[in-house]
Amino acid sequence: MTEAELYEPVMSCLRGSFAAVGKSVHLEIAATKGLSEKVKRAIPVGKEIVFSFLRQHRPDIIGVIEGEGVLNPLVVAEVKAKSLTLDDVYQAKQYKEVLEARGGILVTVHPIPEDLRRLCAQNWDILCSASDSAYKFLAICQFDIAAGKFIDWFRDNPFQQEHFWKL
């Protein structure tokens, strides 16, 4: 299965995960379609410089968490049909940071490599951003294509962490 073929099933699973924590989210495939006006409106005023970056570099999936007002309501997901590398983690982190997104999720259909787990566990800054707070996250997960669900998370499943969804 190609990366592009994974966008729809991953996006569907993300919708279900947000619904499970009581959040409505507008998700769209940005990698091939660009950004809708709804997503552009969610980018804070004064951050228009982001639009020039997004013309050439876009996360695979981008979303707007509905009803969020305090923190940036954006969420990004990067999808990989291959085994993950450190470069993939930094790519997902780049999108999260540039957009100042509330959350970033790096998705793979392969098991999360043990060496990547250990590296991120010992160098926690790899998954953190300078602007992070208790309400922001970058997570890595494995997606089971046949089951249509996320089956493994590193470090933790953000949808099971109540503090991410309080605001």
Protein backbone atom coordinates (compact mmCIF):
# COMPACT_ATOMS: atom_id res chain seq x y z
CA MET A 1 0.00 0.00 0.00
CA THR A 2 1.34 3.42 -0.88
CA GLU A 3 1.53 6.33 1.52
CA ALA A 4 -1.25 8.16 -0.35
CA GLU A 5 -3.53 5.11 -0.06
CA LEU A 6 -3.12 5.27 3.72
CA TYR A 7 -4.37 8.85 4.11
CA GLU A 8 -8.10 8.07 4.10
CA PRO A 9 -8.00 5.10 6.53
CA VAL A 10 -5.65 6.97 8.91
CA MET A 11 -7.83 10.07 8.72
CA SER A 12 -10.91 7.99 9.52
CA CYS A 13 -9.18 6.46 12.53
CA LEU A 14 -8.10 9.91 13.71
CA ARG A 15 -11.71 11.15 13.48
CA GLY A 16 -12.79 8.24 15.67
CA SER A 17 -10.01 8.93 18.16
CA PHE A 18 -11.02 12.58 18.48
CA ALA A 19 -14.69 11.61 18.85
CA ALA A 20 -13.74 9.19 21.63
CA VAL A 21 -12.36 12.11 23.68
CA GLY A 22 -15.37 14.27 22.92
CA LYS A 23 -13.72 16.48 20.31
CA SER A 24 -15.07 17.29 16.89
CA VAL A 25 -12.35 17.74 14.31
CA HIS A 26 -12.24 18.82 10.69
CA LEU A 27 -9.51 16.76 8.97
CA GLU A 28 -8.29 16.98 5.41
CA ILE A 29 -5.53 15.59 3.23
CA ALA A 30 -3.09 18.44 2.73
CA ALA A 31 -0.30 16.49 1.03
CA THR A 32 -2.12 16.27 -2.29
CA LYS A 33 -4.92 18.79 -2.03
CA GLY A 34 -3.36 21.73 -0.24
CA LEU A 35 -5.17 23.63 2.51
CA SER A 36 -8.84 24.49 2.57
CA GLU A 37 -10.05 27.94 3.54
CA LYS A 38 -11.25 26.48 6.87
CA VAL A 39 -7.71 25.42 7.78
CA LYS A 40 -6.24 28.71 6.56
CA ARG A 41 -8.66 30.59 8.85
CA ALA A 42 -7.36 28.57 11.82
CA ILE A 43 -3.82 29.85 11.28
CA PRO A 44 -3.47 32.77 13.70
CA VAL A 45 -3.43 36.32 12.38
CA GLY A 46 0.15 37.55 12.30
CA LYS A 47 1.44 34.12 11.25
CA GLU A 48 0.81 34.59 7.52
CA ILE A 49 4.46 33.82 6.78
CA VAL A 50 3.46 30.17 7.29
CA PHE A 51 1.52 30.26 4.01
CA SER A 52 4.70 30.64 1.97
CA PHE A 53 6.21 27.59 3.70
CA LEU A 54 3.03 25.56 3.14
CA ARG A 55 3.09 26.13 -0.62
CA GLN A 56 5.99 23.68 -0.90
CA HIS A 57 5.86 21.68 2.35
CA ARG A 58 2.63 20.35 3.81
CA PRO A 59 1.81 17.67 6.37
CA ASP A 60 -0.03 14.69 4.96
CA ILE A 61 -3.10 15.35 7.10
CA ILE A 62 -4.07 18.56 8.84
CA GLY A 63 -7.02 19.28 11.03
CA VAL A 64 -8.81 21.89 13.06
CA ILE A 65 -10.14 20.88 16.46
CA GLU A 66 -13.59 22.45 16.61
CA GLY A 67 -14.51 24.74 19.49
CA GLU A 68 -10.95 25.40 20.59
CA GLY A 69 -10.11 28.98 21.40
CA VAL A 70 -7.27 29.17 23.91
CA LEU A 71 -4.57 27.20 22.12
CA ASN A 72 -3.95 26.80 18.44
CA PRO A 73 -6.61 24.30 17.34
CA LEU A 74 -4.47 22.75 14.60
CA VAL A 75 -3.34 19.15 14.56
CA VAL A 76 -1.04 17.54 11.98
CA ALA A 77 -0.31 13.96 11.00
CA GLU A 78 2.50 12.60 8.89
CA VAL A 79 1.92 9.13 7.40
CA LYS A 80 4.66 6.71 6.37
CA ALA A 81 4.27 3.43 4.48
CA LYS A 82 7.82 2.48 5.43
CA SER A 83 9.70 1.80 8.63
CA LEU A 84 10.35 5.03 10.51
CA THR A 85 13.64 6.88 10.73
CA LEU A 86 14.78 9.81 12.84
CA ASP A 87 14.32 12.03 9.76
CA ASP A 88 10.62 11.12 9.76
CA VAL A 89 10.31 12.19 13.40
CA TYR A 90 11.93 15.53 12.61
CA GLN A 91 9.67 16.01 9.59
CA ALA A 92 6.56 15.53 11.76
CA LYS A 93 8.05 17.79 14.41
CA GLN A 94 8.80 20.46 11.78
CA TYR A 95 5.15 20.64 10.69
CA LYS A 96 3.97 20.77 14.30
CA GLU A 97 6.40 23.58 15.12
CA VAL A 98 5.92 25.69 12.00
CA LEU A 99 2.15 25.60 12.44
CA GLU A 100 2.41 25.82 16.23
CA ALA A 101 -0.03 22.90 16.21
CA ARG A 102 -1.58 21.56 19.36
CA GLY A 103 -0.64 18.04 18.37
CA GLY A 104 1.44 16.11 15.91
CA ILE A 105 1.16 12.43 15.10
CA LEU A 106 3.65 10.38 13.11
CA VAL A 107 1.94 7.27 11.75
CA THR A 108 3.55 4.13 10.32
CA VAL A 109 2.17 0.77 9.25
CA HIS A 110 5.30 -0.95 10.52
CA PRO A 111 6.27 -1.60 14.13
CA ILE A 112 7.94 1.42 15.73
CA PRO A 113 11.66 0.59 15.58
CA GLU A 114 13.19 -0.22 18.95
CA ASP A 115 16.26 1.91 18.27
CA LEU A 116 14.02 4.91 17.56
CA ARG A 117 12.06 4.27 20.78
CA ARG A 118 15.24 4.16 22.82
CA LEU A 119 16.72 7.22 21.17
CA CYS A 120 13.56 9.26 21.79
CA ALA A 121 13.25 7.94 25.35
CA GLN A 122 16.81 8.95 26.20
CA ASN A 123 16.67 12.25 24.29
CA TRP A 124 13.22 13.49 25.17
CA ASP A 125 13.85 16.80 23.38
CA ILE A 126 13.49 14.96 20.07
CA LEU A 127 9.71 14.77 20.61
CA CYS A 128 9.38 18.13 22.38
CA SER A 129 9.30 21.66 21.03
CA ALA A 130 10.38 24.84 22.78
CA SER A 131 6.80 26.15 22.68
CA ASP A 132 5.27 22.95 24.10
CA SER A 133 3.12 23.06 27.19
CA ALA A 134 1.17 20.43 29.07
CA TYR A 135 -1.45 20.68 26.32
CA LYS A 136 0.75 19.98 23.28
CA PHE A 137 2.22 16.70 22.05
CA LEU A 138 4.07 14.83 19.32
CA ALA A 139 3.35 11.11 19.30
CA ILE A 140 4.40 8.17 17.17
CA CYS A 141 2.00 5.34 16.40
CA GLN A 142 1.58 2.18 14.40
CA PHE A 143 -1.54 1.80 12.28
CA ASP A 144 -2.96 -1.67 11.60
CA ILE A 145 -4.35 -1.53 8.06
CA ALA A 146 -6.48 -4.67 8.36
CA ALA A 147 -8.07 -3.63 11.66
CA GLY A 148 -8.26 0.05 10.71
CA LYS A 149 -6.95 1.18 14.08
CA PHE A 150 -3.89 2.42 15.92
CA ILE A 151 -2.26 -0.47 17.76
CA ASP A 152 0.92 0.92 19.33
CA TRP A 153 1.95 4.34 20.58
CA PHE A 154 5.20 5.93 21.66
CA ARG A 155 5.42 7.40 24.24
CA ASP A 156 1.79 7.33 25.13
CA ASN A 157 -1.51 7.44 23.30
CA PRO A 158 -2.47 11.14 23.48
CA PHE A 159 -6.14 10.18 23.25
CA GLN A 160 -5.77 8.46 26.62
CA GLN A 161 -4.15 11.51 28.23
CA GLU A 162 -6.99 13.67 29.54
CA HIS A 163 -4.89 16.81 30.03
CA PHE A 164 -4.43 17.23 26.26
CA TRP A 165 -8.16 17.71 25.79
CA LYS A 166 -9.21 19.87 28.75
CA LEU A 167 -9.02 23.20 26.93
